[in-house]
Protein backbone atom coordinates (compact mmCIF):
# COMPACT_ATOMS: atom_id res chain seq x y z
CA MET A 1 84.42 188.62 157.34
CA SER A 2 82.27 186.10 158.48
CA ASP A 3 80.49 183.98 156.06
CA ALA A 4 77.06 185.48 157.00
CA HIS A 5 78.19 188.62 155.81
CA THR A 6 79.46 187.18 152.41
CA ALA A 7 76.49 185.10 151.62
CA GLN A 8 74.59 188.35 151.69
CA GLN A 9 76.34 190.09 149.82
CA ALA A 10 76.13 189.69 146.00
CA PRO A 11 79.66 188.16 145.17
CA ILE A 12 82.11 190.47 143.23
CA THR A 13 82.18 190.14 139.98
CA ILE A 14 85.74 189.92 138.07
CA LYS A 15 85.98 190.32 134.29
CA LYS A 16 89.06 188.45 132.50
CA TYR A 17 90.17 190.26 129.03
CA ALA A 18 91.76 188.38 126.04
CA ASN A 19 94.89 190.12 126.91
CA ARG A 20 94.55 188.24 130.51
CA ARG A 21 94.21 191.43 132.15
CA LEU A 22 91.55 190.90 135.60
CA TYR A 23 89.47 193.89 136.30
CA ASN A 24 87.44 194.48 139.37
CA THR A 25 83.60 195.65 138.89
CA ALA A 26 83.25 196.76 141.99
CA THR A 27 86.98 198.71 142.45
CA SER A 28 86.79 199.88 138.36
CA SER A 29 90.11 199.07 138.64
CA TYR A 30 92.66 195.77 137.07
CA VAL A 31 93.78 193.35 139.60
CA THR A 32 96.06 190.34 139.89
CA LEU A 33 96.06 187.36 141.48
CA ASP A 34 97.56 188.42 144.13
CA HIS A 35 95.09 190.74 144.51
CA LEU A 36 92.66 187.75 143.66
CA ALA A 37 94.34 185.85 146.33
CA GLN A 38 94.14 188.40 149.11
CA MET A 39 90.82 188.32 148.88
CA VAL A 40 90.09 185.06 149.12
CA LYS A 41 91.60 184.83 152.36
CA ASP A 42 89.97 187.94 153.31
CA GLY A 43 86.95 186.50 153.21
CA ALA A 44 85.01 188.31 149.61
CA ASP A 45 83.57 186.57 147.44
CA PHE A 46 84.21 186.69 143.40
CA VAL A 47 83.31 185.22 140.58
CA VAL A 48 85.29 185.62 137.29
CA TYR A 49 83.76 185.93 133.95
CA ASP A 50 85.48 185.79 130.64
CA ALA A 51 84.45 189.30 129.26
CA LYS A 52 84.34 188.25 125.80
CA SER A 53 82.45 185.24 126.31
CA GLY A 54 80.62 185.60 128.88
CA GLU A 55 81.83 182.28 131.16
CA ASP A 56 82.26 182.06 134.00
CA ILE A 57 86.18 180.85 134.76
CA THR A 58 86.32 181.10 138.54
CA ARG A 59 87.37 177.40 138.35
CA SER A 60 90.30 177.76 136.27
CA VAL A 61 91.48 180.99 138.07
CA LEU A 62 91.39 179.49 141.57
CA THR A 63 92.96 176.54 140.13
CA GLN A 64 95.38 179.54 138.29
CA ILE A 65 96.48 181.15 141.69
CA ILE A 66 96.96 177.93 143.45
CA VAL A 67 99.05 176.80 140.78
CA GLU A 68 101.05 180.15 141.37
CA GLU A 69 101.21 180.03 145.48
CA GLU A 70 102.22 176.64 144.85
CA SER A 71 105.34 177.86 142.29
CA LYS A 72 106.24 180.92 144.73
CA GLY A 73 108.60 178.18 146.57
CA GLY A 74 107.88 178.97 150.32
CA GLN A 75 105.27 176.61 150.95
CA ASN A 76 103.74 173.78 149.05
CA LEU A 77 100.40 172.93 150.28
CA LEU A 78 100.12 170.15 147.78
CA PRO A 79 102.24 166.99 148.09
CA ILE A 80 103.08 165.08 145.20
CA SER A 81 101.25 161.75 146.27
CA PHE A 82 97.84 164.15 146.70
CA LEU A 83 98.41 165.91 143.00
CA ARG A 84 99.50 162.38 141.74
CA GLN A 85 95.77 160.57 143.45
CA LEU A 86 93.90 163.67 142.32
CA ILE A 87 94.73 163.79 138.80
CA GLY A 88 94.24 159.70 138.69
CA PHE A 89 90.12 160.44 140.16
CA TYR A 90 89.85 162.74 135.92
CA GLY A 91 87.42 160.26 134.18
CA ASP A 92 87.32 157.43 136.79
CA SER A 93 83.84 156.46 137.91
CA LEU A 94 84.63 157.71 141.23
CA GLY A 95 86.06 160.84 140.25
CA GLY A 96 82.27 162.66 141.32
CA LEU A 97 82.85 162.14 145.21
CA VAL A 98 85.64 163.95 144.81
CA PRO A 99 84.85 167.16 144.86
CA ARG A 100 82.16 167.29 147.77
CA TYR A 101 84.62 165.05 149.53
CA LEU A 102 87.34 167.34 149.26
CA GLU A 103 85.07 170.52 150.60
CA THR A 104 83.61 168.47 153.04
CA SER A 105 87.25 168.25 154.65
CA MET A 106 88.00 171.91 154.05
CA GLN A 107 85.13 172.66 155.85
CA ALA A 108 86.13 170.51 159.07
CA PHE A 109 89.80 171.73 158.81
CA SER A 110 88.42 175.14 158.76
CA ARG A 111 86.48 174.87 161.94
CA ASN A 112 89.09 172.77 163.36
CA GLU A 113 91.68 175.39 162.70
CA GLN A 114 91.46 177.15 166.21
CA GLN A 115 91.24 174.45 168.36
CA MET A 116 94.24 172.75 166.36
CA ARG A 117 96.19 175.96 166.52
CA GLN A 118 95.46 175.67 170.30
CA VAL A 119 97.37 171.96 170.36
CA MET A 120 100.00 173.38 168.47
CA GLN A 121 100.78 175.93 170.85
CA ASN A 122 100.15 173.27 173.68
CA ALA A 123 102.65 170.65 171.76
CA LEU A 124 105.02 174.13 171.51
CA GLU A 125 104.98 175.18 175.24
CA GLY A 126 105.81 171.37 176.27
CA ILE A 127 108.96 171.44 174.38
CA PHE A 128 109.70 174.50 175.94
CA PRO A 129 108.04 174.63 179.43
CA PHE A 130 109.24 178.57 179.93
CA ASN A 131 106.80 178.41 182.77
CA PRO A 132 107.99 175.78 184.96
CA LEU A 133 110.74 176.85 185.02
CA GLU A 134 110.12 180.25 186.25
CA GLU A 135 107.87 178.51 188.90
CA MET A 136 111.11 176.48 189.74
CA ASN A 137 113.46 180.19 190.20
CA LYS A 138 110.78 181.75 192.28
CA GLN A 139 111.02 178.52 195.02
CA ASN A 140 114.60 178.44 194.69
CA MET A 141 114.34 181.90 195.48
CA ALA A 142 112.33 181.45 198.20
CA PHE A 143 114.46 178.73 199.46
CA VAL A 144 117.61 180.11 199.24
CA GLU A 145 115.84 183.91 201.51
CA ASN A 146 113.90 181.23 204.43
CA ALA A 147 117.33 179.24 204.26
CA MET A 148 119.15 182.70 204.68
CA LYS A 149 116.35 183.53 207.45
CA MET A 150 117.31 180.90 209.51
CA PHE A 151 120.86 181.20 209.68
CA ASN A 152 120.91 184.26 210.55
CA PRO A 153 119.37 185.53 213.91
CA PHE A 154 120.68 189.17 213.16
CA ILE A 155 118.26 189.63 210.36
CA PRO A 156 114.49 190.74 210.97
CA GLY A 157 112.38 187.36 211.53
CA GLY A 158 115.55 185.38 211.59
CA GLY A 159 116.65 182.91 213.90
CA VAL A 160 114.96 179.85 213.87
CA ASP A 161 111.43 181.62 214.28
CA GLY A 162 112.53 183.42 216.83
CA THR A 163 111.84 180.76 219.25
CA ALA A 164 113.18 177.27 219.99
CA GLU A 165 109.46 175.65 219.22
CA GLY A 166 109.08 177.06 215.78
CA GLY A 167 112.64 175.62 214.57
CA ASP A 168 111.49 172.20 214.03
CA ALA A 169 108.64 173.05 212.27
CA GLN A 170 110.40 175.78 209.84
CA LEU A 171 113.30 173.03 209.55
CA ASN A 172 110.25 170.52 208.89
CA ASP A 173 109.11 173.28 206.25
CA LEU A 174 112.52 173.60 204.77
CA LYS A 175 113.04 169.68 204.12
CA ALA A 176 109.44 169.83 202.23
CA GLN A 177 110.82 172.19 200.22
CA VAL A 178 114.67 170.50 199.33
CA ALA A 179 112.39 167.27 198.70
CA MET A 180 109.65 168.74 196.43
CA LEU A 181 112.01 170.41 194.83
CA GLN A 182 115.00 167.22 194.41
CA ARG A 183 111.50 165.54 192.21
CA GLN A 184 111.23 168.60 189.95
CA LEU A 185 115.02 168.34 188.83
CA GLU A 186 114.17 164.65 188.11
CA GLU A 187 110.87 165.91 186.81
CA ILE A 188 112.96 167.55 184.30
CA GLY A 189 115.49 164.77 183.68
CA LYS A 190 113.43 162.52 182.59
CA LYS A 191 111.80 165.27 179.88
CA LYS A 192 115.19 165.96 178.32
């Protein structure tokens, strides 16, 4: 969902009952923290209210989702040093600036996400250069084919261009191709 689409819709209401169960009023079904995490990933906006008091507990439920995700062990997004610094800002005079700073930073990160993915893909291609190797293989095959034609006068189009005058031009062309291949091999050797 786009941000404009979710901004037009009222957030989905989730109620948390005393037995710690979460109820999605839009689907009339009970949900888990994993369901709510997926809703966040899908861009669905929701608020969580305590069913008894009516208090908005969205922040604590989202924090609980983060704790659950961090404890799964697969991917930890919050480094220990960051958590320590964040805890240090509670009660500090600058603590009021932290939420806005974090929100702005995450918005900038989200805006640049696609660009960062492209940079990572390009970096990985630089580490594993499959395309240059394919191109070099094609050039090698063309070189071998041309060499075979030059040395076998019985292949159609073979011989030294079929004429004595074309021999010098074709030989110079082959020398240029060999020199180009040598430069490419040297460049690949330098990258390793």
